[in-house]
Structures are given as structure tokens and as C-alpha cells.
Amino acid sequence: MHSLSFLLDVYHHYPDFSIHITFFEGLIDNKQITLSDHRKILWLSTNELKSLDWAEANLPVVDLLCNNYLPKDNLGDNWGINSRLIKIK
């Protein structure tokens, strides 16, 4: 994966800890992805994003992508960030 451009910095405070996440737009080199820290990956249209149970710290980027960044429809097999967001569990 190659980072293309900065999207958003999020500083979020949970009751027990604080987190800083920097989100980037990225380009995937191929369709073969090897997961090392997560069990599953999903490719979703923007219509499907808000139906998932996101961590609070991820909500600002989900809102950004749904409201300002990505097309609202499902664009088939386009693996670019312009049509899909990765949800890793």
C-alpha cells in the first residue's frame, strides 16, 4: 500500500487512554492483502459504512468519507479509496 495524501488527524480521549490517529488516502498495489493484526477485511460502499460498529476514534473519518469524499454508490470492483473504505476487524 502506498500513501497518496493526508486525510485527517484525530485526537480522541477514551476513559482509560487517549489516541492519535492519522488517516491517509492510499493506493493498493494488488488485490492480495495479507492481514497480520486483524481477522477480516471488508470492502464497503459509503451506503454501508455507517451500518458498522466503529470505534469512536474512527467516526470522524467515516463521516468525512461519507459526507465529503466518496461517491455514494457501489462501484463494483474498483479497489481504490475513491469507492471503498477498508473496515478491519
PDB file of N, CA and C in Angstrom:
ATOM      1  N   MET A   1       0.851  -1.172   0.000  1.00  0.00           N
ATOM      2  CA  MET A   1       0.000   0.000   0.000  1.00  0.00           C
ATOM      3  C   MET A   1       0.897   1.236   0.000  1.00  0.00           C
ATOM      4  N   HIS A   2       0.483   2.234  -0.750  1.00  0.00           N
ATOM      5  CA  HIS A   2       1.220   3.494  -0.832  1.00  0.00           C
ATOM      6  C   HIS A   2       0.329   4.630  -0.345  1.00  0.00           C
ATOM      7  N   SER A   3       0.848   5.467   0.528  1.00  0.00           N
ATOM      8  CA  SER A   3       0.105   6.648   0.967  1.00  0.00           C
ATOM      9  C   SER A   3       0.132   7.693  -0.128  1.00  0.00           C
ATOM     10  N   LEU A   4      -1.024   8.238  -0.459  1.00  0.00           N
ATOM     11  CA  LEU A   4      -1.121   9.252  -1.501  1.00  0.00           C
ATOM     12  C   LEU A   4      -1.234  10.654  -0.934  1.00  0.00           C
ATOM     13  N   SER A   5      -2.112  10.810   0.063  1.00  0.00           N
ATOM     14  CA  SER A   5      -2.283  12.145   0.634  1.00  0.00           C
ATOM     15  C   SER A   5      -2.910  12.046   2.026  1.00  0.00           C
ATOM     16  N   PHE A   6      -2.664  13.051   2.800  1.00  0.00           N
ATOM     17  CA  PHE A   6      -3.214  13.172   4.156  1.00  0.00           C
ATOM     18  C   PHE A   6      -4.715  13.411   4.078  1.00  0.00           C
ATOM     19  N   LEU A   7      -5.482  12.754   4.960  1.00  0.00           N
ATOM     20  CA  LEU A   7      -6.922  12.989   5.056  1.00  0.00           C
ATOM     21  C   LEU A   7      -7.302  13.736   6.325  1.00  0.00           C
ATOM     22  N   LEU A   8      -6.860  13.220   7.482  1.00  0.00           N
ATOM     23  CA  LEU A   8      -7.384  13.749   8.740  1.00  0.00           C
ATOM     24  C   LEU A   8      -6.546  13.264   9.920  1.00  0.00           C
ATOM     25  N   ASP A   9      -6.338  14.137  10.893  1.00  0.00           N
ATOM     26  CA  ASP A   9      -5.774  13.755  12.190  1.00  0.00           C
ATOM     27  C   ASP A   9      -6.909  13.719  13.197  1.00  0.00           C
ATOM     28  N   VAL A  10      -6.973  12.671  13.989  1.00  0.00           N
ATOM     29  CA  VAL A  10      -7.992  12.548  15.033  1.00  0.00           C
ATOM     30  C   VAL A  10      -7.298  12.350  16.373  1.00  0.00           C
ATOM     31  N   TYR A  11      -7.669  13.159  17.332  1.00  0.00           N
ATOM     32  CA  TYR A  11      -7.241  13.005  18.730  1.00  0.00           C
ATOM     33  C   TYR A  11      -8.500  12.656  19.507  1.00  0.00           C
ATOM     34  N   HIS A  12      -8.516  11.471  20.089  1.00  0.00           N
ATOM     35  CA  HIS A  12      -9.716  11.031  20.794  1.00  0.00           C
ATOM     36  C   HIS A  12      -9.346  10.586  22.204  1.00  0.00           C
ATOM     37  N   HIS A  13     -10.185  10.920  23.157  1.00  0.00           N
ATOM     38  CA  HIS A  13      -9.949  10.570  24.554  1.00  0.00           C
ATOM     39  C   HIS A  13     -11.012   9.588  25.030  1.00  0.00           C
ATOM     40  N   TYR A  14     -10.581   8.374  25.310  1.00  0.00           N
ATOM     41  CA  TYR A  14     -11.428   7.365  25.923  1.00  0.00           C
ATOM     42  C   TYR A  14     -11.267   7.496  27.436  1.00  0.00           C
ATOM     43  N   PRO A  15     -12.116   6.854  28.217  1.00  0.00           N
ATOM     44  CA  PRO A  15     -11.987   6.966  29.677  1.00  0.00           C
ATOM     45  C   PRO A  15     -10.624   6.512  30.223  1.00  0.00           C
ATOM     46  N   ASP A  16     -10.034   5.492  29.610  1.00  0.00           N
ATOM     47  CA  ASP A  16      -8.783   4.922  30.132  1.00  0.00           C
ATOM     48  C   ASP A  16      -7.527   5.348  29.393  1.00  0.00           C
ATOM     49  N   PHE A  17      -7.662   5.916  28.203  1.00  0.00           N
ATOM     50  CA  PHE A  17      -6.485   6.282  27.412  1.00  0.00           C
ATOM     51  C   PHE A  17      -6.879   7.274  26.328  1.00  0.00           C
ATOM     52  N   SER A  18      -5.884   7.874  25.737  1.00  0.00           N
ATOM     53  CA  SER A  18      -6.085   8.785  24.605  1.00  0.00           C
ATOM     54  C   SER A  18      -5.361   8.218  23.393  1.00  0.00           C
ATOM     55  N   ILE A  19      -5.858   8.578  22.213  1.00  0.00           N
ATOM     56  CA  ILE A  19      -5.271   8.053  20.985  1.00  0.00           C
ATOM     57  C   ILE A  19      -5.187   9.158  19.933  1.00  0.00           C
ATOM     58  N   HIS A  20      -4.139   9.102  19.139  1.00  0.00           N
ATOM     59  CA  HIS A  20      -3.968   9.992  17.992  1.00  0.00           C
ATOM     60  C   HIS A  20      -3.856   9.094  16.768  1.00  0.00           C
ATOM     61  N   ILE A  21      -4.753   9.288  15.801  1.00  0.00           N
ATOM     62  CA  ILE A  21      -4.739   8.505  14.568  1.00  0.00           C
ATOM     63  C   ILE A  21      -4.618   9.479  13.396  1.00  0.00           C
ATOM     64  N   THR A  22      -3.699   9.188  12.494  1.00  0.00           N
ATOM     65  CA  THR A  22      -3.577   9.953  11.262  1.00  0.00           C
ATOM     66  C   THR A  22      -4.076   9.088  10.120  1.00  0.00           C
ATOM     67  N   PHE A  23      -5.049   9.590   9.384  1.00  0.00           N
ATOM     68  CA  PHE A  23      -5.637   8.862   8.258  1.00  0.00           C
ATOM     69  C   PHE A  23      -5.082   9.411   6.954  1.00  0.00           C
ATOM     70  N   PHE A  24      -4.789   8.497   6.030  1.00  0.00           N
ATOM     71  CA  PHE A  24      -4.274   8.854   4.717  1.00  0.00           C
ATOM     72  C   PHE A  24      -5.113   8.200   3.631  1.00  0.00           C
ATOM     73  N   GLU A  25      -5.185   8.832   2.495  1.00  0.00           N
ATOM     74  CA  GLU A  25      -5.697   8.194   1.296  1.00  0.00           C
ATOM     75  C   GLU A  25      -4.593   7.264   0.816  1.00  0.00           C
ATOM     76  N   GLY A  26      -4.942   6.074   0.369  1.00  0.00           N
ATOM     77  CA  GLY A  26      -3.921   5.125  -0.051  1.00  0.00           C
ATOM     78  C   GLY A  26      -4.271   4.435  -1.349  1.00  0.00           C
ATOM     79  N   LEU A  27      -3.276   3.840  -1.947  1.00  0.00           N
ATOM     80  CA  LEU A  27      -3.428   3.074  -3.170  1.00  0.00           C
ATOM     81  C   LEU A  27      -2.881   1.677  -2.915  1.00  0.00           C
ATOM     82  N   ILE A  28      -3.682   0.680  -3.226  1.00  0.00           N
ATOM     83  CA  ILE A  28      -3.277  -0.703  -3.026  1.00  0.00           C
ATOM     84  C   ILE A  28      -2.649  -1.216  -4.309  1.00  0.00           C
ATOM     85  N   ASP A  29      -1.490  -1.855  -4.179  1.00  0.00           N
ATOM     86  CA  ASP A  29      -0.747  -2.345  -5.337  1.00  0.00           C
ATOM     87  C   ASP A  29      -1.435  -3.507  -6.049  1.00  0.00           C
ATOM     88  N   ASN A  30      -2.078  -4.382  -5.285  1.00  0.00           N
ATOM     89  CA  ASN A  30      -2.754  -5.529  -5.889  1.00  0.00           C
ATOM     90  C   ASN A  30      -3.903  -5.955  -4.986  1.00  0.00           C
ATOM     91  N   LYS A  31      -4.683  -6.909  -5.457  1.00  0.00           N
ATOM     92  CA  LYS A  31      -5.855  -7.339  -4.694  1.00  0.00           C
ATOM     93  C   LYS A  31      -5.533  -8.354  -3.607  1.00  0.00           C
ATOM     94  N   GLN A  32      -4.315  -8.800  -3.514  1.00  0.00           N
ATOM     95  CA  GLN A  32      -3.908  -9.767  -2.490  1.00  0.00           C
ATOM     96  C   GLN A  32      -3.425  -9.010  -1.258  1.00  0.00           C
ATOM     97  N   ILE A  33      -4.166  -9.097  -0.178  1.00  0.00           N
ATOM     98  CA  ILE A  33      -3.812  -8.422   1.063  1.00  0.00           C
ATOM     99  C   ILE A  33      -3.597  -9.481   2.133  1.00  0.00           C
ATOM    100  N   THR A  34      -2.470  -9.403   2.808  1.00  0.00           N
ATOM    101  CA  THR A  34      -2.174 -10.316   3.905  1.00  0.00           C
ATOM    102  C   THR A  34      -2.414  -9.592   5.222  1.00  0.00           C
ATOM    103  N   LEU A  35      -3.342 -10.096   6.001  1.00  0.00           N
ATOM    104  CA  LEU A  35      -3.652  -9.491   7.292  1.00  0.00           C
ATOM    105  C   LEU A  35      -2.681 -10.023   8.344  1.00  0.00           C
ATOM    106  N   SER A  36      -2.128  -9.120   9.130  1.00  0.00           N
ATOM    107  CA  SER A  36      -1.212  -9.559  10.186  1.00  0.00           C
ATOM    108  C   SER A  36      -1.746  -9.261  11.580  1.00  0.00           C
ATOM    109  N   ASP A  37      -2.609  -8.263  11.728  1.00  0.00           N
ATOM    110  CA  ASP A  37      -3.103  -7.871  13.047  1.00  0.00           C
ATOM    111  C   ASP A  37      -4.618  -7.990  13.193  1.00  0.00           C
ATOM    112  N   HIS A  38      -5.306  -8.360  12.128  1.00  0.00           N
ATOM    113  CA  HIS A  38      -6.764  -8.394  12.148  1.00  0.00           C
ATOM    114  C   HIS A  38      -7.261  -9.708  11.552  1.00  0.00           C
ATOM    115  N   ARG A  39      -8.516 -10.025  11.838  1.00  0.00           N
ATOM    116  CA  ARG A  39      -9.107 -11.276  11.370  1.00  0.00           C
ATOM    117  C   ARG A  39      -9.773 -11.160  10.011  1.00  0.00           C
ATOM    118  N   LYS A  40     -10.260  -9.971   9.669  1.00  0.00           N
ATOM    119  CA  LYS A  40     -11.111  -9.857   8.495  1.00  0.00           C
ATOM    120  C   LYS A  40     -11.007  -8.458   7.897  1.00  0.00           C
ATOM    121  N   ILE A  41     -11.215  -8.367   6.590  1.00  0.00           N
ATOM    122  CA  ILE A  41     -11.252  -7.079   5.902  1.00  0.00           C
ATOM    123  C   ILE A  41     -12.515  -7.045   5.042  1.00  0.00           C
ATOM    124  N   LEU A  42     -13.169  -5.899   5.008  1.00  0.00           N
ATOM    125  CA  LEU A  42     -14.388  -5.726   4.212  1.00  0.00           C
ATOM    126  C   LEU A  42     -14.218  -4.546   3.275  1.00  0.00           C
ATOM    127  N   TRP A  43     -14.746  -4.658   2.067  1.00  0.00           N
ATOM    128  CA  TRP A  43     -14.788  -3.540   1.123  1.00  0.00           C
ATOM    129  C   TRP A  43     -16.235  -3.086   1.059  1.00  0.00           C
ATOM    130  N   LEU A  44     -16.480  -1.829   1.390  1.00  0.00           N
ATOM    131  CA  LEU A  44     -17.849  -1.350   1.537  1.00  0.00           C
ATOM    132  C   LEU A  44     -18.101  -0.083   0.745  1.00  0.00           C
ATOM    133  N   SER A  45     -19.339   0.064   0.305  1.00  0.00           N
ATOM    134  CA  SER A  45     -19.752   1.330  -0.288  1.00  0.00           C
ATOM    135  C   SER A  45     -20.043   2.317   0.843  1.00  0.00           C
ATOM    136  N   THR A  46     -20.117   3.579   0.520  1.00  0.00           N
ATOM    137  CA  THR A  46     -20.412   4.576   1.550  1.00  0.00           C
ATOM    138  C   THR A  46     -21.792   4.349   2.162  1.00  0.00           C
ATOM    139  N   ASN A  47     -22.700   3.777   1.402  1.00  0.00           N
ATOM    140  CA  ASN A  47     -24.031   3.486   1.943  1.00  0.00           C
ATOM    141  C   ASN A  47     -23.977   2.466   3.069  1.00  0.00           C
ATOM    142  N   GLU A  48     -22.948   1.635   3.084  1.00  0.00           N
ATOM    143  CA  GLU A  48     -22.825   0.575   4.087  1.00  0.00           C
ATOM    144  C   GLU A  48     -21.967   0.977   5.290  1.00  0.00           C
ATOM    145  N   LEU A  49     -21.172   2.004   5.168  1.00  0.00           N
ATOM    146  CA  LEU A  49     -20.196   2.347   6.209  1.00  0.00           C
ATOM    147  C   LEU A  49     -20.823   2.627   7.569  1.00  0.00           C
ATOM    148  N   LYS A  50     -21.865   3.414   7.598  1.00  0.00           N
ATOM    149  CA  LYS A  50     -22.446   3.819   8.883  1.00  0.00           C
ATOM    150  C   LYS A  50     -23.226   2.702   9.567  1.00  0.00           C
ATOM    151  N   SER A  51     -23.423   1.587   8.876  1.00  0.00           N
ATOM    152  CA  SER A  51     -24.142   0.463   9.493  1.00  0.00           C
ATOM    153  C   SER A  51     -23.233  -0.374  10.396  1.00  0.00           C
ATOM    154  N   LEU A  52     -21.923  -0.104  10.366  1.00  0.00           N
ATOM    155  CA  LEU A  52     -20.979  -0.876  11.177  1.00  0.00           C
ATOM    156  C   LEU A  52     -20.750  -0.245  12.542  1.00  0.00           C
ATOM    157  N   ASP A  53     -20.257  -1.040  13.449  1.00  0.00           N
ATOM    158  CA  ASP A  53     -19.964  -0.599  14.805  1.00  0.00           C
ATOM    159  C   ASP A  53     -18.516  -0.117  14.861  1.00  0.00           C
ATOM    160  N   TRP A  54     -18.289   1.163  14.577  1.00  0.00           N
ATOM    161  CA  TRP A  54     -16.951   1.750  14.535  1.00  0.00           C
ATOM    162  C   TRP A  54     -16.507   2.168  15.927  1.00  0.00           C
ATOM    163  N   ALA A  55     -15.211   2.099  16.166  1.00  0.00           N
ATOM    164  CA  ALA A  55     -14.652   2.686  17.379  1.00  0.00           C
ATOM    165  C   ALA A  55     -14.864   4.194  17.311  1.00  0.00           C
ATOM    166  N   GLU A  56     -15.105   4.821  18.444  1.00  0.00           N
ATOM    167  CA  GLU A  56     -15.385   6.263  18.469  1.00  0.00           C
ATOM    168  C   GLU A  56     -14.303   7.085  17.777  1.00  0.00           C
ATOM    169  N   ALA A  57     -13.065   6.673  17.908  1.00  0.00           N
ATOM    170  CA  ALA A  57     -11.961   7.423  17.304  1.00  0.00           C
ATOM    171  C   ALA A  57     -11.992   7.383  15.779  1.00  0.00           C
ATOM    172  N   ASN A  58     -12.675   6.409  15.200  1.00  0.00           N
ATOM    173  CA  ASN A  58     -12.770   6.298  13.742  1.00  0.00           C
ATOM    174  C   ASN A  58     -13.939   7.080  13.155  1.00  0.00           C
ATOM    175  N   LEU A  59     -14.882   7.493  13.972  1.00  0.00           N
ATOM    176  CA  LEU A  59     -16.090   8.144  13.459  1.00  0.00           C
ATOM    177  C   LEU A  59     -15.824   9.423  12.653  1.00  0.00           C
ATOM    178  N   PRO A  60     -14.873  10.269  13.031  1.00  0.00           N
ATOM    179  CA  PRO A  60     -14.640  11.472  12.211  1.00  0.00           C
ATOM    180  C   PRO A  60     -14.234  11.163  10.777  1.00  0.00           C
ATOM    181  N   VAL A  61     -13.424  10.147  10.551  1.00  0.00           N
ATOM    182  CA  VAL A  61     -13.032   9.834   9.170  1.00  0.00           C
ATOM    183  C   VAL A  61     -14.167   9.139   8.426  1.00  0.00           C
ATOM    184  N   VAL A  62     -14.973   8.342   9.106  1.00  0.00           N
ATOM    185  CA  VAL A  62     -16.140   7.742   8.466  1.00  0.00           C
ATOM    186  C   VAL A  62     -17.084   8.853   8.004  1.00  0.00           C
ATOM    187  N   ASP A  63     -17.332   9.835   8.862  1.00  0.00           N
ATOM    188  CA  ASP A  63     -18.180  10.972   8.481  1.00  0.00           C
ATOM    189  C   ASP A  63     -17.600  11.739   7.304  1.00  0.00           C
ATOM    190  N   LEU A  64     -16.289  11.987   7.338  1.00  0.00           N
ATOM    191  CA  LEU A  64     -15.636  12.697   6.236  1.00  0.00           C
ATOM    192  C   LEU A  64     -15.826  11.951   4.922  1.00  0.00           C
ATOM    193  N   LEU A  65     -15.583  10.653   4.938  1.00  0.00           N
ATOM    194  CA  LEU A  65     -15.697   9.868   3.716  1.00  0.00           C
ATOM    195  C   LEU A  65     -17.134   9.785   3.219  1.00  0.00           C
ATOM    196  N   CYS A  66     -18.077   9.615   4.120  1.00  0.00           N
ATOM    197  CA  CYS A  66     -19.480   9.502   3.719  1.00  0.00           C
ATOM    198  C   CYS A  66     -20.055  10.820   3.206  1.00  0.00           C
ATOM    199  N   ASN A  67     -19.662  11.918   3.818  1.00  0.00           N
ATOM    200  CA  ASN A  67     -20.282  13.198   3.503  1.00  0.00           C
ATOM    201  C   ASN A  67     -19.552  14.035   2.459  1.00  0.00           C
ATOM    202  N   ASN A  68     -18.246  13.879   2.360  1.00  0.00           N
ATOM    203  CA  ASN A  68     -17.481  14.815   1.531  1.00  0.00           C
ATOM    204  C   ASN A  68     -16.538  14.183   0.532  1.00  0.00           C
ATOM    205  N   TYR A  69     -16.304  12.910   0.616  1.00  0.00           N
ATOM    206  CA  TYR A  69     -15.159  12.373  -0.117  1.00  0.00           C
ATOM    207  C   TYR A  69     -15.522  11.310  -1.133  1.00  0.00           C
ATOM    208  N   LEU A  70     -16.277  10.309  -0.743  1.00  0.00           N
ATOM    209  CA  LEU A  70     -16.515   9.164  -1.603  1.00  0.00           C
ATOM    210  C   LEU A  70     -17.847   9.252  -2.320  1.00  0.00           C
ATOM    211  N   PRO A  71     -17.932   8.632  -3.510  1.00  0.00           N
ATOM    212  CA  PRO A  71     -19.225   8.538  -4.184  1.00  0.00           C
ATOM    213  C   PRO A  71     -20.207   7.750  -3.325  1.00  0.00           C
ATOM    214  N   LYS A  72     -21.479   8.006  -3.485  1.00  0.00           N
ATOM    215  CA  LYS A  72     -22.495   7.360  -2.659  1.00  0.00           C
ATOM    216  C   LYS A  72     -22.870   5.968  -3.147  1.00  0.00           C
ATOM    217  N   ASP A  73     -22.490   5.603  -4.371  1.00  0.00           N
ATOM    218  CA  ASP A  73     -22.909   4.304  -4.886  1.00  0.00           C
ATOM    219  C   ASP A  73     -21.788   3.278  -4.804  1.00  0.00           C
ATOM    220  N   ASN A  74     -22.150   2.038  -5.023  1.00  0.00           N
ATOM    221  CA  ASN A  74     -21.207   0.932  -5.022  1.00  0.00           C
ATOM    222  C   ASN A  74     -20.656   0.800  -6.430  1.00  0.00           C
ATOM    223  N   LEU A  75     -19.340   0.930  -6.604  1.00  0.00           N
ATOM    224  CA  LEU A  75     -18.747   0.967  -7.931  1.00  0.00           C
ATOM    225  C   LEU A  75     -18.077  -0.348  -8.333  1.00  0.00           C
ATOM    226  N   GLY A  76     -18.626  -1.467  -7.937  1.00  0.00           N
ATOM    227  CA  GLY A  76     -18.122  -2.749  -8.406  1.00  0.00           C
ATOM    228  C   GLY A  76     -16.745  -3.088  -7.883  1.00  0.00           C
ATOM    229  N   ASP A  77     -15.836  -3.449  -8.772  1.00  0.00           N
ATOM    230  CA  ASP A  77     -14.523  -3.935  -8.376  1.00  0.00           C
ATOM    231  C   ASP A  77     -13.456  -2.859  -8.348  1.00  0.00           C
ATOM    232  N   ASN A  78     -13.804  -1.621  -8.210  1.00  0.00           N
ATOM    233  CA  ASN A  78     -12.806  -0.566  -8.096  1.00  0.00           C
ATOM    234  C   ASN A  78     -12.199  -0.664  -6.701  1.00  0.00           C
ATOM    235  N   TRP A  79     -10.912  -0.975  -6.623  1.00  0.00           N
ATOM    236  CA  TRP A  79     -10.251  -1.171  -5.340  1.00  0.00           C
ATOM    237  C   TRP A  79      -9.632   0.094  -4.799  1.00  0.00           C
ATOM    238  N   GLY A  80      -9.873   1.232  -5.405  1.00  0.00           N
ATOM    239  CA  GLY A  80      -9.287   2.474  -4.925  1.00  0.00           C
ATOM    240  C   GLY A  80     -10.078   3.077  -3.786  1.00  0.00           C
ATOM    241  N   ILE A  81      -9.450   3.953  -3.048  1.00  0.00           N
ATOM    242  CA  ILE A  81     -10.097   4.629  -1.924  1.00  0.00           C
ATOM    243  C   ILE A  81     -11.276   5.471  -2.397  1.00  0.00           C
ATOM    244  N   ASN A  82     -11.314   5.827  -3.659  1.00  0.00           N
ATOM    245  CA  ASN A  82     -12.395   6.651  -4.173  1.00  0.00           C
ATOM    246  C   ASN A  82     -13.737   5.942  -4.197  1.00  0.00           C
ATOM    247  N   SER A  83     -13.761   4.630  -4.020  1.00  0.00           N
ATOM    248  CA  SER A  83     -15.050   3.954  -3.969  1.00  0.00           C
ATOM    249  C   SER A  83     -15.243   3.080  -2.745  1.00  0.00           C
ATOM    250  N   ARG A  84     -14.200   2.801  -2.006  1.00  0.00           N
ATOM    251  CA  ARG A  84     -14.316   1.866  -0.895  1.00  0.00           C
ATOM    252  C   ARG A  84     -13.527   2.363   0.316  1.00  0.00           C
ATOM    253  N   LEU A  85     -13.945   1.898   1.449  1.00  0.00           N
ATOM    254  CA  LEU A  85     -13.172   2.102   2.676  1.00  0.00           C
ATOM    255  C   LEU A  85     -12.945   0.739   3.296  1.00  0.00           C
ATOM    256  N   ILE A  86     -11.785   0.532   3.810  1.00  0.00           N
ATOM    257  CA  ILE A  86     -11.473  -0.736   4.457  1.00  0.00           C
ATOM    258  C   ILE A  86     -11.947  -0.691   5.904  1.00  0.00           C
ATOM    259  N   LYS A  87     -12.667  -1.689   6.316  1.00  0.00           N
ATOM    260  CA  LYS A  87     -13.028  -1.871   7.720  1.00  0.00           C
ATOM    261  C   LYS A  87     -12.323  -3.120   8.193  1.00  0.00           C
ATOM    262  N   ILE A  88     -11.411  -2.983   9.094  1.00  0.00           N
ATOM    263  CA  ILE A  88     -10.637  -4.110   9.593  1.00  0.00           C
ATOM    264  C   ILE A  88     -11.124  -4.475  10.978  1.00  0.00           C
ATOM    265  N   LYS A  89     -11.379  -5.735  11.193  1.00  0.00           N
ATOM    266  CA  LYS A  89     -11.845  -6.213  12.487  1.00  0.00           C
ATOM    267  C   LYS A  89     -10.768  -7.020  13.174  1.00  0.00           C
TER     268      LYS A  89
END
